[in-house]
Amino acid sequence: MSAPVPSPDTTTIPSLSDKCGLLPAFTVKVQIRPTAALGDGHCGIFASEKIISGTKIWEWTDLITRHHFSELGELLSKMKDRSEAQLFLRQGFVMPDDETYFCSNPKDAGRFINHSIDSNINLNGAMRDIEAGEELLMNYSFHGDPEWYQEICKVYGVLTEAQIAEGQQD
């Protein structure tokens, strides 16, 4: 798994998870909950009810913000501290079909989807039936991993999604 990085204070999470229903961008009922697998302070997305294989899980919304790679350094330098920048990087991603943009989702609960080589979801939806209470997990190996992203993540001591996926396969 990834090296520990600061996680959101769980006191900020209930405003989203108290609904126990549809969170922004999700098309199924999910909850944000702590996940013991990654240690204290880390969260994941859990099914609130059974999800049938093939069901769409999440959709792209205007909650996702795209940042051109040439502007990312300046954006990170304006954050209040290093831990905020680390969290921003860890909860964002680069799409494989457009590696010139970093995508952040600070208001989209999708940022809490964790990696596993034994994933149960992908970009198209549920890969198998998912039981209520089960964590939704995605294999990060498909994410874009351009050199500029590797370099900026290294500066902030954060692994890229591809590095996380590669590390788990070792």
C-alpha atoms as a PDB file:
ATOM      1  CA  MET A   1       0.000   0.000   0.000  1.00  0.00           C
ATOM      2  CA  SER A   2       0.982   3.643  -0.046  1.00  0.00           C
ATOM      3  CA  ALA A   3       3.198   5.367   2.457  1.00  0.00           C
ATOM      4  CA  PRO A   4       1.171   7.065   5.186  1.00  0.00           C
ATOM      5  CA  VAL A   5       0.116  10.589   4.331  1.00  0.00           C
ATOM      6  CA  PRO A   6      -2.120  12.927   6.257  1.00  0.00           C
ATOM      7  CA  SER A   7      -5.772  12.039   5.997  1.00  0.00           C
ATOM      8  CA  PRO A   8      -8.778  14.228   6.470  1.00  0.00           C
ATOM      9  CA  ASP A   9      -9.851  14.708  10.041  1.00  0.00           C
ATOM     10  CA  THR A  10     -12.717  12.269  10.459  1.00  0.00           C
ATOM     11  CA  THR A  11     -14.745  14.986  12.180  1.00  0.00           C
ATOM     12  CA  THR A  12     -15.177  16.605   8.761  1.00  0.00           C
ATOM     13  CA  ILE A  13     -16.551  13.443   7.189  1.00  0.00           C
ATOM     14  CA  PRO A  14     -19.998  13.101   8.825  1.00  0.00           C
ATOM     15  CA  SER A  15     -21.458  15.952   6.785  1.00  0.00           C
ATOM     16  CA  LEU A  16     -21.137  13.647   3.783  1.00  0.00           C
ATOM     17  CA  SER A  17     -21.563  10.229   5.340  1.00  0.00           C
ATOM     18  CA  ASP A  18     -24.505  10.968   7.650  1.00  0.00           C
ATOM     19  CA  LYS A  19     -26.738  10.788   4.590  1.00  0.00           C
ATOM     20  CA  CYS A  20     -25.885   7.085   4.154  1.00  0.00           C
ATOM     21  CA  GLY A  21     -27.293   7.443   0.697  1.00  0.00           C
ATOM     22  CA  LEU A  22     -26.235   8.977  -2.564  1.00  0.00           C
ATOM     23  CA  LEU A  23     -23.096  11.035  -2.148  1.00  0.00           C
ATOM     24  CA  PRO A  24     -22.159  13.536  -4.853  1.00  0.00           C
ATOM     25  CA  ALA A  25     -21.022  11.731  -8.034  1.00  0.00           C
ATOM     26  CA  PHE A  26     -22.015   8.265  -6.780  1.00  0.00           C
ATOM     27  CA  THR A  27     -24.882   6.475  -8.505  1.00  0.00           C
ATOM     28  CA  VAL A  28     -25.270   3.905  -5.705  1.00  0.00           C
ATOM     29  CA  LYS A  29     -25.724   4.291  -1.964  1.00  0.00           C
ATOM     30  CA  VAL A  30     -22.368   4.387  -0.179  1.00  0.00           C
ATOM     31  CA  GLN A  31     -20.811   5.565   3.063  1.00  0.00           C
ATOM     32  CA  ILE A  32     -17.448   7.095   3.895  1.00  0.00           C
ATOM     33  CA  ARG A  33     -15.990   5.196   6.833  1.00  0.00           C
ATOM     34  CA  PRO A  34     -12.614   4.652   8.455  1.00  0.00           C
ATOM     35  CA  THR A  35     -10.739   1.730   6.945  1.00  0.00           C
ATOM     36  CA  ALA A  36      -8.541  -0.233   9.306  1.00  0.00           C
ATOM     37  CA  ALA A  37      -6.451  -1.660   6.463  1.00  0.00           C
ATOM     38  CA  LEU A  38      -4.665   1.658   5.922  1.00  0.00           C
ATOM     39  CA  GLY A  39      -4.290   2.753   9.540  1.00  0.00           C
ATOM     40  CA  ASP A  40      -5.723   5.442  11.754  1.00  0.00           C
ATOM     41  CA  GLY A  41      -7.293   8.421  10.013  1.00  0.00           C
ATOM     42  CA  HIS A  42      -7.682   6.770   6.615  1.00  0.00           C
ATOM     43  CA  CYS A  43     -11.118   6.401   5.051  1.00  0.00           C
ATOM     44  CA  GLY A  44     -12.721   4.328   2.351  1.00  0.00           C
ATOM     45  CA  ILE A  45     -16.006   4.065   0.473  1.00  0.00           C
ATOM     46  CA  PHE A  46     -18.341   1.260   1.564  1.00  0.00           C
ATOM     47  CA  ALA A  47     -21.493  -0.073  -0.088  1.00  0.00           C
ATOM     48  CA  SER A  48     -24.650   0.789   1.887  1.00  0.00           C
ATOM     49  CA  GLU A  49     -26.573  -1.934   0.069  1.00  0.00           C
ATOM     50  CA  LYS A  50     -25.804  -4.790  -2.300  1.00  0.00           C
ATOM     51  CA  ILE A  51     -24.459  -3.665  -5.683  1.00  0.00           C
ATOM     52  CA  ILE A  52     -25.002  -5.988  -8.642  1.00  0.00           C
ATOM     53  CA  SER A  53     -22.158  -6.718 -11.070  1.00  0.00           C
ATOM     54  CA  GLY A  54     -22.152  -4.250 -13.975  1.00  0.00           C
ATOM     55  CA  THR A  55     -23.872  -1.469 -12.009  1.00  0.00           C
ATOM     56  CA  LYS A  56     -22.485   2.001 -12.655  1.00  0.00           C
ATOM     57  CA  ILE A  57     -20.908   3.244  -9.400  1.00  0.00           C
ATOM     58  CA  TRP A  58     -19.735   6.783 -10.044  1.00  0.00           C
ATOM     59  CA  GLU A  59     -20.029   9.496 -12.673  1.00  0.00           C
ATOM     60  CA  TRP A  60     -17.809  12.391 -13.644  1.00  0.00           C
ATOM     61  CA  THR A  61     -19.273  15.665 -12.377  1.00  0.00           C
ATOM     62  CA  ASP A  62     -18.311  19.306 -12.139  1.00  0.00           C
ATOM     63  CA  LEU A  63     -16.936  18.485  -8.663  1.00  0.00           C
ATOM     64  CA  ILE A  64     -13.774  17.339 -10.460  1.00  0.00           C
ATOM     65  CA  THR A  65     -11.353  20.172 -11.130  1.00  0.00           C
ATOM     66  CA  ARG A  66      -8.691  19.841 -13.820  1.00  0.00           C
ATOM     67  CA  HIS A  67      -5.335  21.577 -13.327  1.00  0.00           C
ATOM     68  CA  HIS A  68      -2.828  21.840 -16.178  1.00  0.00           C
ATOM     69  CA  PHE A  69       0.499  20.374 -15.100  1.00  0.00           C
ATOM     70  CA  SER A  70       2.267  23.703 -15.744  1.00  0.00           C
ATOM     71  CA  GLU A  71       0.119  25.366 -13.034  1.00  0.00           C
ATOM     72  CA  LEU A  72       0.265  22.607 -10.423  1.00  0.00           C
ATOM     73  CA  GLY A  73       3.510  23.718  -8.723  1.00  0.00           C
ATOM     74  CA  GLU A  74       2.162  27.213  -8.107  1.00  0.00           C
ATOM     75  CA  LEU A  75      -1.139  25.841  -6.817  1.00  0.00           C
ATOM     76  CA  LEU A  76       0.643  23.540  -4.347  1.00  0.00           C
ATOM     77  CA  SER A  77       2.931  26.346  -3.143  1.00  0.00           C
ATOM     78  CA  LYS A  78      -0.129  28.391  -2.121  1.00  0.00           C
ATOM     79  CA  MET A  79      -1.441  25.684   0.206  1.00  0.00           C
ATOM     80  CA  LYS A  80      -1.169  26.326   3.931  1.00  0.00           C
ATOM     81  CA  ASP A  81       1.407  23.604   4.550  1.00  0.00           C
ATOM     82  CA  ARG A  82       3.091  20.509   3.166  1.00  0.00           C
ATOM     83  CA  SER A  83       0.492  18.129   4.610  1.00  0.00           C
ATOM     84  CA  GLU A  84      -2.315  19.938   2.769  1.00  0.00           C
ATOM     85  CA  ALA A  85      -0.364  19.639  -0.487  1.00  0.00           C
ATOM     86  CA  GLN A  86       0.297  15.939   0.173  1.00  0.00           C
ATOM     87  CA  LEU A  87      -3.368  15.272   0.811  1.00  0.00           C
ATOM     88  CA  PHE A  88      -4.343  17.188  -2.334  1.00  0.00           C
ATOM     89  CA  LEU A  89      -1.965  15.073  -4.428  1.00  0.00           C
ATOM     90  CA  ARG A  90      -2.996  11.785  -2.815  1.00  0.00           C
ATOM     91  CA  GLN A  91      -6.679  12.410  -3.394  1.00  0.00           C
ATOM     92  CA  GLY A  92      -6.237  13.409  -7.022  1.00  0.00           C
ATOM     93  CA  PHE A  93      -5.288  11.523 -10.164  1.00  0.00           C
ATOM     94  CA  VAL A  94      -4.144  11.706 -13.784  1.00  0.00           C
ATOM     95  CA  MET A  95      -6.302  10.105 -16.461  1.00  0.00           C
ATOM     96  CA  PRO A  96      -4.470   7.847 -18.928  1.00  0.00           C
ATOM     97  CA  ASP A  97      -6.066   9.506 -21.955  1.00  0.00           C
ATOM     98  CA  ASP A  98      -5.069  13.065 -20.945  1.00  0.00           C
ATOM     99  CA  GLU A  99      -1.770  13.130 -19.089  1.00  0.00           C
ATOM    100  CA  THR A 100      -1.407  16.924 -19.230  1.00  0.00           C
ATOM    101  CA  TYR A 101      -3.953  17.481 -16.450  1.00  0.00           C
ATOM    102  CA  PHE A 102      -4.073  16.627 -12.771  1.00  0.00           C
ATOM    103  CA  CYS A 103      -7.639  16.028 -11.625  1.00  0.00           C
ATOM    104  CA  SER A 104      -8.641  16.900  -8.077  1.00  0.00           C
ATOM    105  CA  ASN A 105     -11.883  16.095  -6.363  1.00  0.00           C
ATOM    106  CA  PRO A 106     -11.952  17.837  -2.972  1.00  0.00           C
ATOM    107  CA  LYS A 107     -15.771  17.800  -2.797  1.00  0.00           C
ATOM    108  CA  ASP A 108     -16.348  14.416  -4.433  1.00  0.00           C
ATOM    109  CA  ALA A 109     -16.335  11.403  -2.113  1.00  0.00           C
ATOM    110  CA  GLY A 110     -14.690   9.414  -4.903  1.00  0.00           C
ATOM    111  CA  ARG A 111     -11.392  10.658  -3.521  1.00  0.00           C
ATOM    112  CA  PHE A 112     -11.757   8.035  -0.775  1.00  0.00           C
ATOM    113  CA  ILE A 113     -11.752   5.037  -3.142  1.00  0.00           C
ATOM    114  CA  ASN A 114      -8.716   2.977  -2.202  1.00  0.00           C
ATOM    115  CA  HIS A 115      -6.478   0.712  -4.278  1.00  0.00           C
ATOM    116  CA  SER A 116      -6.367  -3.056  -4.358  1.00  0.00           C
ATOM    117  CA  ILE A 117      -5.097  -5.543  -6.901  1.00  0.00           C
ATOM    118  CA  ASP A 118      -8.182  -7.502  -5.866  1.00  0.00           C
ATOM    119  CA  SER A 119     -10.469  -4.653  -6.931  1.00  0.00           C
ATOM    120  CA  ASN A 120     -14.241  -4.896  -7.179  1.00  0.00           C
ATOM    121  CA  ILE A 121     -14.873  -1.748  -9.267  1.00  0.00           C
ATOM    122  CA  ASN A 122     -13.380  -0.052 -12.311  1.00  0.00           C
ATOM    123  CA  LEU A 123     -14.297   3.000 -14.390  1.00  0.00           C
ATOM    124  CA  ASN A 124     -17.246   1.111 -15.864  1.00  0.00           C
ATOM    125  CA  GLY A 125     -18.768   0.045 -12.545  1.00  0.00           C
ATOM    126  CA  ALA A 126     -18.995  -3.013 -10.323  1.00  0.00           C
ATOM    127  CA  MET A 127     -16.842  -5.875 -11.607  1.00  0.00           C
ATOM    128  CA  ARG A 128     -18.741  -8.402  -9.484  1.00  0.00           C
ATOM    129  CA  ASP A 129     -21.552  -8.381  -6.944  1.00  0.00           C
ATOM    130  CA  ILE A 130     -20.565  -6.274  -3.929  1.00  0.00           C
ATOM    131  CA  GLU A 131     -22.195  -6.939  -0.579  1.00  0.00           C
ATOM    132  CA  ALA A 132     -23.521  -4.221   1.747  1.00  0.00           C
ATOM    133  CA  GLY A 133     -20.715  -3.121   4.056  1.00  0.00           C
ATOM    134  CA  GLU A 134     -17.968  -4.120   1.619  1.00  0.00           C
ATOM    135  CA  GLU A 135     -15.342  -1.517   0.711  1.00  0.00           C
ATOM    136  CA  LEU A 136     -15.270  -0.368  -2.924  1.00  0.00           C
ATOM    137  CA  LEU A 137     -11.727  -0.890  -4.226  1.00  0.00           C
ATOM    138  CA  MET A 138     -10.159   0.049  -7.553  1.00  0.00           C
ATOM    139  CA  ASN A 139      -6.906  -1.102  -9.136  1.00  0.00           C
ATOM    140  CA  TYR A 140      -4.955   2.131  -9.654  1.00  0.00           C
ATOM    141  CA  SER A 141      -2.657   0.658 -12.320  1.00  0.00           C
ATOM    142  CA  PHE A 142      -4.702   2.184 -15.173  1.00  0.00           C
ATOM    143  CA  HIS A 143      -4.067   5.788 -14.061  1.00  0.00           C
ATOM    144  CA  GLY A 144      -1.779   8.043 -16.041  1.00  0.00           C
ATOM    145  CA  ASP A 145       1.754   8.334 -14.651  1.00  0.00           C
ATOM    146  CA  PRO A 146       3.553  11.039 -16.634  1.00  0.00           C
ATOM    147  CA  GLU A 147       7.041  12.138 -15.646  1.00  0.00           C
ATOM    148  CA  TRP A 148       5.870  15.577 -14.404  1.00  0.00           C
ATOM    149  CA  TYR A 149       3.439  13.867 -12.017  1.00  0.00           C
ATOM    150  CA  GLN A 150       6.085  11.474 -10.714  1.00  0.00           C
ATOM    151  CA  GLU A 151       8.440  14.407 -10.121  1.00  0.00           C
ATOM    152  CA  ILE A 152       5.968  16.609  -8.230  1.00  0.00           C
ATOM    153  CA  CYS A 153       4.770  13.675  -6.117  1.00  0.00           C
ATOM    154  CA  LYS A 154       8.396  12.872  -5.260  1.00  0.00           C
ATOM    155  CA  VAL A 155       8.958  16.466  -4.103  1.00  0.00           C
ATOM    156  CA  TYR A 156       6.029  16.121  -1.691  1.00  0.00           C
ATOM    157  CA  GLY A 157       6.805  12.544  -0.617  1.00  0.00           C
ATOM    158  CA  VAL A 158       3.649  11.072  -2.154  1.00  0.00           C
ATOM    159  CA  LEU A 159       3.345   7.990  -4.350  1.00  0.00           C
ATOM    160  CA  THR A 160       1.522   8.186  -7.668  1.00  0.00           C
ATOM    161  CA  GLU A 161      -1.354   5.782  -8.256  1.00  0.00           C
ATOM    162  CA  ALA A 162       0.839   3.703 -10.593  1.00  0.00           C
ATOM    163  CA  GLN A 163       3.553   3.492  -7.912  1.00  0.00           C
ATOM    164  CA  ILE A 164       0.983   2.375  -5.336  1.00  0.00           C
ATOM    165  CA  ALA A 165      -0.305  -0.309  -7.702  1.00  0.00           C
ATOM    166  CA  GLU A 166       3.213  -1.414  -8.616  1.00  0.00           C
ATOM    167  CA  GLY A 167       4.249  -1.587  -4.956  1.00  0.00           C
ATOM    168  CA  GLN A 168       1.340  -3.801  -4.021  1.00  0.00           C
ATOM    169  CA  GLN A 169       2.218  -6.292  -6.754  1.00  0.00           C
ATOM    170  CA  ASP A 170       5.770  -6.805  -5.402  1.00  0.00           C
END
